[in-house]
Amino acid sequence: MNLLKKGNFSFNLKEANTNSATLIYLIYRSGSDRFKLSISEKIHPTFWNAKRQRAKANKAYPELVELNYLLDNIDSDIVKKSQYS
């Protein structure tokens, strides 16, 4: 049985209301179960779009574009694994 098909996942900040960079977590939820995993990347909350669950990329911070690319790849890998498991 594929557990990924029964739940959903999101990217959230460890501390959304801090004044410094904070870890990004991958959160998986299925019913009352929850699994939280740090992706070992940090971002300042000012540069995080909670609705899109991605960095607010801009020309002044090209590393944020790379971070979004990483998040997109993680997202894609999870979707692929859920389809073929």
PDB file of N, CA and C in Angstrom:
ATOM      1  N   MET A   1       0.847  -1.186   0.000  1.00  0.00           N
ATOM      2  CA  MET A   1       0.000   0.000   0.000  1.00  0.00           C
ATOM      3  C   MET A   1       0.890   1.247   0.000  1.00  0.00           C
ATOM      4  N   ASN A   2       0.543   2.233  -0.769  1.00  0.00           N
ATOM      5  CA  ASN A   2       1.320   3.450  -0.868  1.00  0.00           C
ATOM      6  C   ASN A   2       0.772   4.501   0.094  1.00  0.00           C
ATOM      7  N   LEU A   3       1.560   4.833   1.111  1.00  0.00           N
ATOM      8  CA  LEU A   3       1.112   5.795   2.112  1.00  0.00           C
ATOM      9  C   LEU A   3       1.104   7.225   1.593  1.00  0.00           C
ATOM     10  N   LEU A   4       1.961   7.532   0.598  1.00  0.00           N
ATOM     11  CA  LEU A   4       1.989   8.885   0.072  1.00  0.00           C
ATOM     12  C   LEU A   4       0.672   9.275  -0.583  1.00  0.00           C
ATOM     13  N   LYS A   5      -0.032   8.324  -1.159  1.00  0.00           N
ATOM     14  CA  LYS A   5      -1.299   8.637  -1.814  1.00  0.00           C
ATOM     15  C   LYS A   5      -2.389   8.989  -0.808  1.00  0.00           C
ATOM     16  N   LYS A   6      -2.222   8.581   0.429  1.00  0.00           N
ATOM     17  CA  LYS A   6      -3.249   8.822   1.437  1.00  0.00           C
ATOM     18  C   LYS A   6      -3.068  10.149   2.162  1.00  0.00           C
ATOM     19  N   GLY A   7      -1.929  10.791   1.993  1.00  0.00           N
ATOM     20  CA  GLY A   7      -1.660  12.018   2.727  1.00  0.00           C
ATOM     21  C   GLY A   7      -1.243  13.140   1.804  1.00  0.00           C
ATOM     22  N   ASN A   8      -0.787  14.228   2.426  1.00  0.00           N
ATOM     23  CA  ASN A   8      -0.276  15.346   1.652  1.00  0.00           C
ATOM     24  C   ASN A   8       0.960  15.893   2.328  1.00  0.00           C
ATOM     25  N   PHE A   9       1.704  16.706   1.604  1.00  0.00           N
ATOM     26  CA  PHE A   9       2.921  17.265   2.158  1.00  0.00           C
ATOM     27  C   PHE A   9       3.007  18.749   1.848  1.00  0.00           C
ATOM     28  N   SER A  10       3.806  19.431   2.647  1.00  0.00           N
ATOM     29  CA  SER A  10       4.013  20.864   2.447  1.00  0.00           C
ATOM     30  C   SER A  10       5.393  21.232   2.959  1.00  0.00           C
ATOM     31  N   PHE A  11       5.854  22.416   2.576  1.00  0.00           N
ATOM     32  CA  PHE A  11       7.098  22.973   3.088  1.00  0.00           C
ATOM     33  C   PHE A  11       6.736  24.117   4.015  1.00  0.00           C
ATOM     34  N   ASN A  12       7.223  24.062   5.242  1.00  0.00           N
ATOM     35  CA  ASN A  12       6.942  25.096   6.230  1.00  0.00           C
ATOM     36  C   ASN A  12       8.236  25.517   6.906  1.00  0.00           C
ATOM     37  N   LEU A  13       8.233  26.726   7.450  1.00  0.00           N
ATOM     38  CA  LEU A  13       9.385  27.198   8.205  1.00  0.00           C
ATOM     39  C   LEU A  13       9.307  26.705   9.642  1.00  0.00           C
ATOM     40  N   LYS A  14      10.467  26.417  10.205  1.00  0.00           N
ATOM     41  CA  LYS A  14      10.501  25.994  11.606  1.00  0.00           C
ATOM     42  C   LYS A  14       9.972  27.110  12.500  1.00  0.00           C
ATOM     43  N   GLU A  15      10.445  28.348  12.260  1.00  0.00           N
ATOM     44  CA  GLU A  15      10.001  29.501  13.047  1.00  0.00           C
ATOM     45  C   GLU A  15       9.631  30.625  12.078  1.00  0.00           C
ATOM     46  N   ALA A  16       8.369  30.753  11.790  1.00  0.00           N
ATOM     47  CA  ALA A  16       7.917  31.728  10.800  1.00  0.00           C
ATOM     48  C   ALA A  16       7.984  33.174  11.295  1.00  0.00           C
ATOM     49  N   ASN A  17       8.062  33.375  12.602  1.00  0.00           N
ATOM     50  CA  ASN A  17       8.039  34.734  13.161  1.00  0.00           C
ATOM     51  C   ASN A  17       9.364  35.148  13.781  1.00  0.00           C
ATOM     52  N   THR A  18      10.464  34.626  13.275  1.00  0.00           N
ATOM     53  CA  THR A  18      11.771  34.961  13.825  1.00  0.00           C
ATOM     54  C   THR A  18      12.413  36.073  13.000  1.00  0.00           C
ATOM     55  N   ASN A  19      13.437  36.701  13.555  1.00  0.00           N
ATOM     56  CA  ASN A  19      14.157  37.758  12.854  1.00  0.00           C
ATOM     57  C   ASN A  19      15.462  37.262  12.246  1.00  0.00           C
ATOM     58  N   SER A  20      15.590  35.955  12.127  1.00  0.00           N
ATOM     59  CA  SER A  20      16.798  35.387  11.525  1.00  0.00           C
ATOM     60  C   SER A  20      16.413  34.199  10.651  1.00  0.00           C
ATOM     61  N   ALA A  21      17.376  33.715   9.897  1.00  0.00           N
ATOM     62  CA  ALA A  21      17.116  32.573   9.019  1.00  0.00           C
ATOM     63  C   ALA A  21      16.677  31.368   9.839  1.00  0.00           C
ATOM     64  N   THR A  22      15.753  30.618   9.307  1.00  0.00           N
ATOM     65  CA  THR A  22      15.204  29.451  10.005  1.00  0.00           C
ATOM     66  C   THR A  22      15.131  28.273   9.040  1.00  0.00           C
ATOM     67  N   LEU A  23      15.112  27.087   9.589  1.00  0.00           N
ATOM     68  CA  LEU A  23      15.081  25.880   8.769  1.00  0.00           C
ATOM     69  C   LEU A  23      13.758  25.722   8.018  1.00  0.00           C
ATOM     70  N   ILE A  24      13.848  25.080   6.865  1.00  0.00           N
ATOM     71  CA  ILE A  24      12.664  24.710   6.092  1.00  0.00           C
ATOM     72  C   ILE A  24      12.396  23.236   6.354  1.00  0.00           C
ATOM     73  N   TYR A  25      11.158  22.918   6.690  1.00  0.00           N
ATOM     74  CA  TYR A  25      10.756  21.541   6.957  1.00  0.00           C
ATOM     75  C   TYR A  25       9.817  21.028   5.876  1.00  0.00           C
ATOM     76  N   LEU A  26       9.968  19.772   5.570  1.00  0.00           N
ATOM     77  CA  LEU A  26       8.995  19.048   4.764  1.00  0.00           C
ATOM     78  C   LEU A  26       8.050  18.405   5.769  1.00  0.00           C
ATOM     79  N   ILE A  27       6.773  18.722   5.681  1.00  0.00           N
ATOM     80  CA  ILE A  27       5.769  18.188   6.593  1.00  0.00           C
ATOM     81  C   ILE A  27       4.860  17.247   5.803  1.00  0.00           C
ATOM     82  N   TYR A  28       4.729  16.026   6.277  1.00  0.00           N
ATOM     83  CA  TYR A  28       3.828  15.056   5.648  1.00  0.00           C
ATOM     84  C   TYR A  28       2.693  14.769   6.627  1.00  0.00           C
ATOM     85  N   ARG A  29       1.459  14.848   6.148  1.00  0.00           N
ATOM     86  CA  ARG A  29       0.293  14.588   6.993  1.00  0.00           C
ATOM     87  C   ARG A  29      -0.592  13.535   6.350  1.00  0.00           C
ATOM     88  N   SER A  30      -1.049  12.624   7.190  1.00  0.00           N
ATOM     89  CA  SER A  30      -1.998  11.603   6.756  1.00  0.00           C
ATOM     90  C   SER A  30      -2.903  11.311   7.940  1.00  0.00           C
ATOM     91  N   GLY A  31      -4.143  11.755   7.856  1.00  0.00           N
ATOM     92  CA  GLY A  31      -5.054  11.587   8.987  1.00  0.00           C
ATOM     93  C   GLY A  31      -4.520  12.323  10.196  1.00  0.00           C
ATOM     94  N   SER A  32      -4.364  11.633  11.304  1.00  0.00           N
ATOM     95  CA  SER A  32      -3.828  12.257  12.519  1.00  0.00           C
ATOM     96  C   SER A  32      -2.314  12.105  12.623  1.00  0.00           C
ATOM     97  N   ASP A  33      -1.699  11.430  11.655  1.00  0.00           N
ATOM     98  CA  ASP A  33      -0.245  11.238  11.664  1.00  0.00           C
ATOM     99  C   ASP A  33       0.446  12.414  10.994  1.00  0.00           C
ATOM    100  N   ARG A  34       1.645  12.744  11.522  1.00  0.00           N
ATOM    101  CA  ARG A  34       2.437  13.825  10.954  1.00  0.00           C
ATOM    102  C   ARG A  34       3.908  13.453  11.046  1.00  0.00           C
ATOM    103  N   PHE A  35       4.624  13.715   9.972  1.00  0.00           N
ATOM    104  CA  PHE A  35       6.056  13.459   9.912  1.00  0.00           C
ATOM    105  C   PHE A  35       6.730  14.749   9.490  1.00  0.00           C
ATOM    106  N   LYS A  36       7.767  15.155  10.219  1.00  0.00           N
ATOM    107  CA  LYS A  36       8.457  16.401   9.936  1.00  0.00           C
ATOM    108  C   LYS A  36       9.933  16.103   9.680  1.00  0.00           C
ATOM    109  N   LEU A  37      10.457  16.624   8.561  1.00  0.00           N
ATOM    110  CA  LEU A  37      11.842  16.377   8.175  1.00  0.00           C
ATOM    111  C   LEU A  37      12.474  17.682   7.714  1.00  0.00           C
ATOM    112  N   SER A  38      13.607  18.036   8.306  1.00  0.00           N
ATOM    113  CA  SER A  38      14.326  19.218   7.863  1.00  0.00           C
ATOM    114  C   SER A  38      14.987  18.924   6.526  1.00  0.00           C
ATOM    115  N   ILE A  39      14.925  19.875   5.601  1.00  0.00           N
ATOM    116  CA  ILE A  39      15.628  19.690   4.336  1.00  0.00           C
ATOM    117  C   ILE A  39      17.029  20.296   4.422  1.00  0.00           C
ATOM    118  N   SER A  40      17.425  20.733   5.605  1.00  0.00           N
ATOM    119  CA  SER A  40      18.762  21.278   5.896  1.00  0.00           C
ATOM    120  C   SER A  40      19.062  22.573   5.150  1.00  0.00           C
ATOM    121  N   GLU A  41      18.048  23.324   4.811  1.00  0.00           N
ATOM    122  CA  GLU A  41      18.202  24.632   4.180  1.00  0.00           C
ATOM    123  C   GLU A  41      17.515  25.661   5.056  1.00  0.00           C
ATOM    124  N   LYS A  42      18.110  26.863   5.106  1.00  0.00           N
ATOM    125  CA  LYS A  42      17.534  27.948   5.895  1.00  0.00           C
ATOM    126  C   LYS A  42      17.159  29.120   5.007  1.00  0.00           C
ATOM    127  N   ILE A  43      16.175  29.877   5.483  1.00  0.00           N
ATOM    128  CA  ILE A  43      15.747  31.089   4.794  1.00  0.00           C
ATOM    129  C   ILE A  43      15.201  32.066   5.829  1.00  0.00           C
ATOM    130  N   HIS A  44      15.400  33.347   5.575  1.00  0.00           N
ATOM    131  CA  HIS A  44      14.801  34.368   6.449  1.00  0.00           C
ATOM    132  C   HIS A  44      13.313  34.450   6.108  1.00  0.00           C
ATOM    133  N   PRO A  45      12.441  34.496   7.113  1.00  0.00           N
ATOM    134  CA  PRO A  45      10.993  34.537   6.853  1.00  0.00           C
ATOM    135  C   PRO A  45      10.549  35.660   5.915  1.00  0.00           C
ATOM    136  N   THR A  46      11.289  36.753   5.875  1.00  0.00           N
ATOM    137  CA  THR A  46      10.962  37.859   4.973  1.00  0.00           C
ATOM    138  C   THR A  46      10.947  37.399   3.514  1.00  0.00           C
ATOM    139  N   PHE A  47      11.778  36.423   3.192  1.00  0.00           N
ATOM    140  CA  PHE A  47      11.907  35.955   1.812  1.00  0.00           C
ATOM    141  C   PHE A  47      11.098  34.691   1.530  1.00  0.00           C
ATOM    142  N   TRP A  48      10.181  34.325   2.428  1.00  0.00           N
ATOM    143  CA  TRP A  48       9.390  33.102   2.277  1.00  0.00           C
ATOM    144  C   TRP A  48       7.948  33.439   1.955  1.00  0.00           C
ATOM    145  N   ASN A  49       7.407  32.781   0.940  1.00  0.00           N
ATOM    146  CA  ASN A  49       6.001  32.918   0.574  1.00  0.00           C
ATOM    147  C   ASN A  49       5.276  31.686   1.120  1.00  0.00           C
ATOM    148  N   ALA A  50       4.589  31.845   2.238  1.00  0.00           N
ATOM    149  CA  ALA A  50       3.940  30.715   2.913  1.00  0.00           C
ATOM    150  C   ALA A  50       2.828  30.104   2.062  1.00  0.00           C
ATOM    151  N   LYS A  51       2.136  30.911   1.299  1.00  0.00           N
ATOM    152  CA  LYS A  51       1.051  30.395   0.473  1.00  0.00           C
ATOM    153  C   LYS A  51       1.596  29.504  -0.651  1.00  0.00           C
ATOM    154  N   ARG A  52       2.653  29.938  -1.322  1.00  0.00           N
ATOM    155  CA  ARG A  52       3.254  29.167  -2.406  1.00  0.00           C
ATOM    156  C   ARG A  52       4.226  28.106  -1.884  1.00  0.00           C
ATOM    157  N   GLN A  53       4.650  28.250  -0.636  1.00  0.00           N
ATOM    158  CA  GLN A  53       5.632  27.354  -0.012  1.00  0.00           C
ATOM    159  C   GLN A  53       6.948  27.363  -0.780  1.00  0.00           C
ATOM    160  N   ARG A  54       7.356  28.549  -1.187  1.00  0.00           N
ATOM    161  CA  ARG A  54       8.587  28.761  -1.932  1.00  0.00           C
ATOM    162  C   ARG A  54       9.197  30.089  -1.510  1.00  0.00           C
ATOM    163  N   ALA A  55      10.474  30.254  -1.876  1.00  0.00           N
ATOM    164  CA  ALA A  55      11.164  31.510  -1.615  1.00  0.00           C
ATOM    165  C   ALA A  55      10.643  32.593  -2.549  1.00  0.00           C
ATOM    166  N   LYS A  56      10.672  33.827  -2.068  1.00  0.00           N
ATOM    167  CA  LYS A  56      10.336  34.982  -2.897  1.00  0.00           C
ATOM    168  C   LYS A  56      11.610  35.354  -3.654  1.00  0.00           C
ATOM    169  N   ALA A  57      11.794  34.750  -4.793  1.00  0.00           N
ATOM    170  CA  ALA A  57      13.027  34.940  -5.556  1.00  0.00           C
ATOM    171  C   ALA A  57      13.080  36.335  -6.156  1.00  0.00           C
ATOM    172  N   ASN A  58      14.284  36.915  -6.140  1.00  0.00           N
ATOM    173  CA  ASN A  58      14.496  38.197  -6.801  1.00  0.00           C
ATOM    174  C   ASN A  58      15.951  38.300  -7.244  1.00  0.00           C
ATOM    175  N   LYS A  59      16.238  39.286  -8.066  1.00  0.00           N
ATOM    176  CA  LYS A  59      17.570  39.426  -8.657  1.00  0.00           C
ATOM    177  C   LYS A  59      18.660  39.697  -7.621  1.00  0.00           C
ATOM    178  N   ALA A  60      18.297  40.310  -6.522  1.00  0.00           N
ATOM    179  CA  ALA A  60      19.283  40.629  -5.491  1.00  0.00           C
ATOM    180  C   ALA A  60      19.772  39.377  -4.754  1.00  0.00           C
ATOM    181  N   TYR A  61      18.981  38.295  -4.785  1.00  0.00           N
ATOM    182  CA  TYR A  61      19.330  37.060  -4.077  1.00  0.00           C
ATOM    183  C   TYR A  61      19.163  35.856  -5.004  1.00  0.00           C
ATOM    184  N   PRO A  62      20.123  35.641  -5.906  1.00  0.00           N
ATOM    185  CA  PRO A  62      20.002  34.527  -6.855  1.00  0.00           C
ATOM    186  C   PRO A  62      19.976  33.150  -6.182  1.00  0.00           C
ATOM    187  N   GLU A  63      20.491  33.054  -4.965  1.00  0.00           N
ATOM    188  CA  GLU A  63      20.457  31.766  -4.261  1.00  0.00           C
ATOM    189  C   GLU A  63      19.030  31.328  -3.943  1.00  0.00           C
ATOM    190  N   LEU A  64      18.098  32.274  -3.902  1.00  0.00           N
ATOM    191  CA  LEU A  64      16.703  31.916  -3.648  1.00  0.00           C
ATOM    192  C   LEU A  64      16.095  31.183  -4.841  1.00  0.00           C
ATOM    193  N   VAL A  65      16.554  31.514  -6.036  1.00  0.00           N
ATOM    194  CA  VAL A  65      16.116  30.786  -7.231  1.00  0.00           C
ATOM    195  C   VAL A  65      16.591  29.332  -7.125  1.00  0.00           C
ATOM    196  N   GLU A  66      17.826  29.141  -6.682  1.00  0.00           N
ATOM    197  CA  GLU A  66      18.368  27.788  -6.494  1.00  0.00           C
ATOM    198  C   GLU A  66      17.598  27.026  -5.424  1.00  0.00           C
ATOM    199  N   LEU A  67      17.217  27.722  -4.361  1.00  0.00           N
ATOM    200  CA  LEU A  67      16.430  27.086  -3.305  1.00  0.00           C
ATOM    201  C   LEU A  67      15.084  26.628  -3.853  1.00  0.00           C
ATOM    202  N   ASN A  68      14.428  27.454  -4.648  1.00  0.00           N
ATOM    203  CA  ASN A  68      13.152  27.054  -5.249  1.00  0.00           C
ATOM    204  C   ASN A  68      13.333  25.853  -6.174  1.00  0.00           C
ATOM    205  N   TYR A  69      14.444  25.813  -6.885  1.00  0.00           N
ATOM    206  CA  TYR A  69      14.740  24.675  -7.748  1.00  0.00           C
ATOM    207  C   TYR A  69      14.858  23.397  -6.910  1.00  0.00           C
ATOM    208  N   LEU A  70      15.545  23.489  -5.773  1.00  0.00           N
ATOM    209  CA  LEU A  70      15.666  22.342  -4.865  1.00  0.00           C
ATOM    210  C   LEU A  70      14.292  21.902  -4.356  1.00  0.00           C
ATOM    211  N   LEU A  71      13.465  22.850  -3.926  1.00  0.00           N
ATOM    212  CA  LEU A  71      12.125  22.525  -3.434  1.00  0.00           C
ATOM    213  C   LEU A  71      11.275  21.892  -4.535  1.00  0.00           C
ATOM    214  N   ASP A  72      11.395  22.408  -5.743  1.00  0.00           N
ATOM    215  CA  ASP A  72      10.663  21.826  -6.876  1.00  0.00           C
ATOM    216  C   ASP A  72      11.097  20.386  -7.130  1.00  0.00           C
ATOM    217  N   ASN A  73      12.399  20.123  -7.027  1.00  0.00           N
ATOM    218  CA  ASN A  73      12.907  18.763  -7.233  1.00  0.00           C
ATOM    219  C   ASN A  73      12.418  17.810  -6.148  1.00  0.00           C
ATOM    220  N   ILE A  74      12.409  18.251  -4.904  1.00  0.00           N
ATOM    221  CA  ILE A  74      11.903  17.415  -3.816  1.00  0.00           C
ATOM    222  C   ILE A  74      10.427  17.114  -4.050  1.00  0.00           C
ATOM    223  N   ASP A  75       9.684  18.152  -4.379  1.00  0.00           N
ATOM    224  CA  ASP A  75       8.254  18.020  -4.674  1.00  0.00           C
ATOM    225  C   ASP A  75       8.033  17.006  -5.800  1.00  0.00           C
ATOM    226  N   SER A  76       8.771  17.151  -6.872  1.00  0.00           N
ATOM    227  CA  SER A  76       8.643  16.258  -8.030  1.00  0.00           C
ATOM    228  C   SER A  76       8.991  14.811  -7.672  1.00  0.00           C
ATOM    229  N   ASP A  77      10.058  14.635  -6.885  1.00  0.00           N
ATOM    230  CA  ASP A  77      10.454  13.284  -6.478  1.00  0.00           C
ATOM    231  C   ASP A  77       9.372  12.602  -5.648  1.00  0.00           C
ATOM    232  N   ILE A  78       8.749  13.348  -4.750  1.00  0.00           N
ATOM    233  CA  ILE A  78       7.693  12.786  -3.917  1.00  0.00           C
ATOM    234  C   ILE A  78       6.500  12.380  -4.777  1.00  0.00           C
ATOM    235  N   VAL A  79       6.128  13.233  -5.715  1.00  0.00           N
ATOM    236  CA  VAL A  79       4.990  12.928  -6.595  1.00  0.00           C
ATOM    237  C   VAL A  79       5.301  11.688  -7.427  1.00  0.00           C
ATOM    238  N   LYS A  80       6.504  11.595  -7.984  1.00  0.00           N
ATOM    239  CA  LYS A  80       6.879  10.434  -8.780  1.00  0.00           C
ATOM    240  C   LYS A  80       6.839   9.153  -7.950  1.00  0.00           C
ATOM    241  N   LYS A  81       7.370   9.208  -6.749  1.00  0.00           N
ATOM    242  CA  LYS A  81       7.389   8.019  -5.887  1.00  0.00           C
ATOM    243  C   LYS A  81       5.974   7.601  -5.496  1.00  0.00           C
ATOM    244  N   SER A  82       5.086   8.584  -5.330  1.00  0.00           N
ATOM    245  CA  SER A  82       3.712   8.241  -4.952  1.00  0.00           C
ATOM    246  C   SER A  82       2.966   7.596  -6.121  1.00  0.00           C
ATOM    247  N   GLN A  83       3.353   7.925  -7.333  1.00  0.00           N
ATOM    248  CA  GLN A  83       2.683   7.358  -8.512  1.00  0.00           C
ATOM    249  C   GLN A  83       3.158   5.950  -8.831  1.00  0.00           C
ATOM    250  N   TYR A  84       4.414   5.670  -8.514  1.00  0.00           N
ATOM    251  CA  TYR A  84       4.991   4.379  -8.914  1.00  0.00           C
ATOM    252  C   TYR A  84       5.218   3.418  -7.759  1.00  0.00           C
ATOM    253  N   SER A  85       4.767   3.762  -6.581  1.00  0.00           N
ATOM    254  CA  SER A  85       4.960   2.864  -5.430  1.00  0.00           C
ATOM    255  C   SER A  85       3.775   1.938  -5.263  1.00  0.00           C
TER     256      SER A  85
END
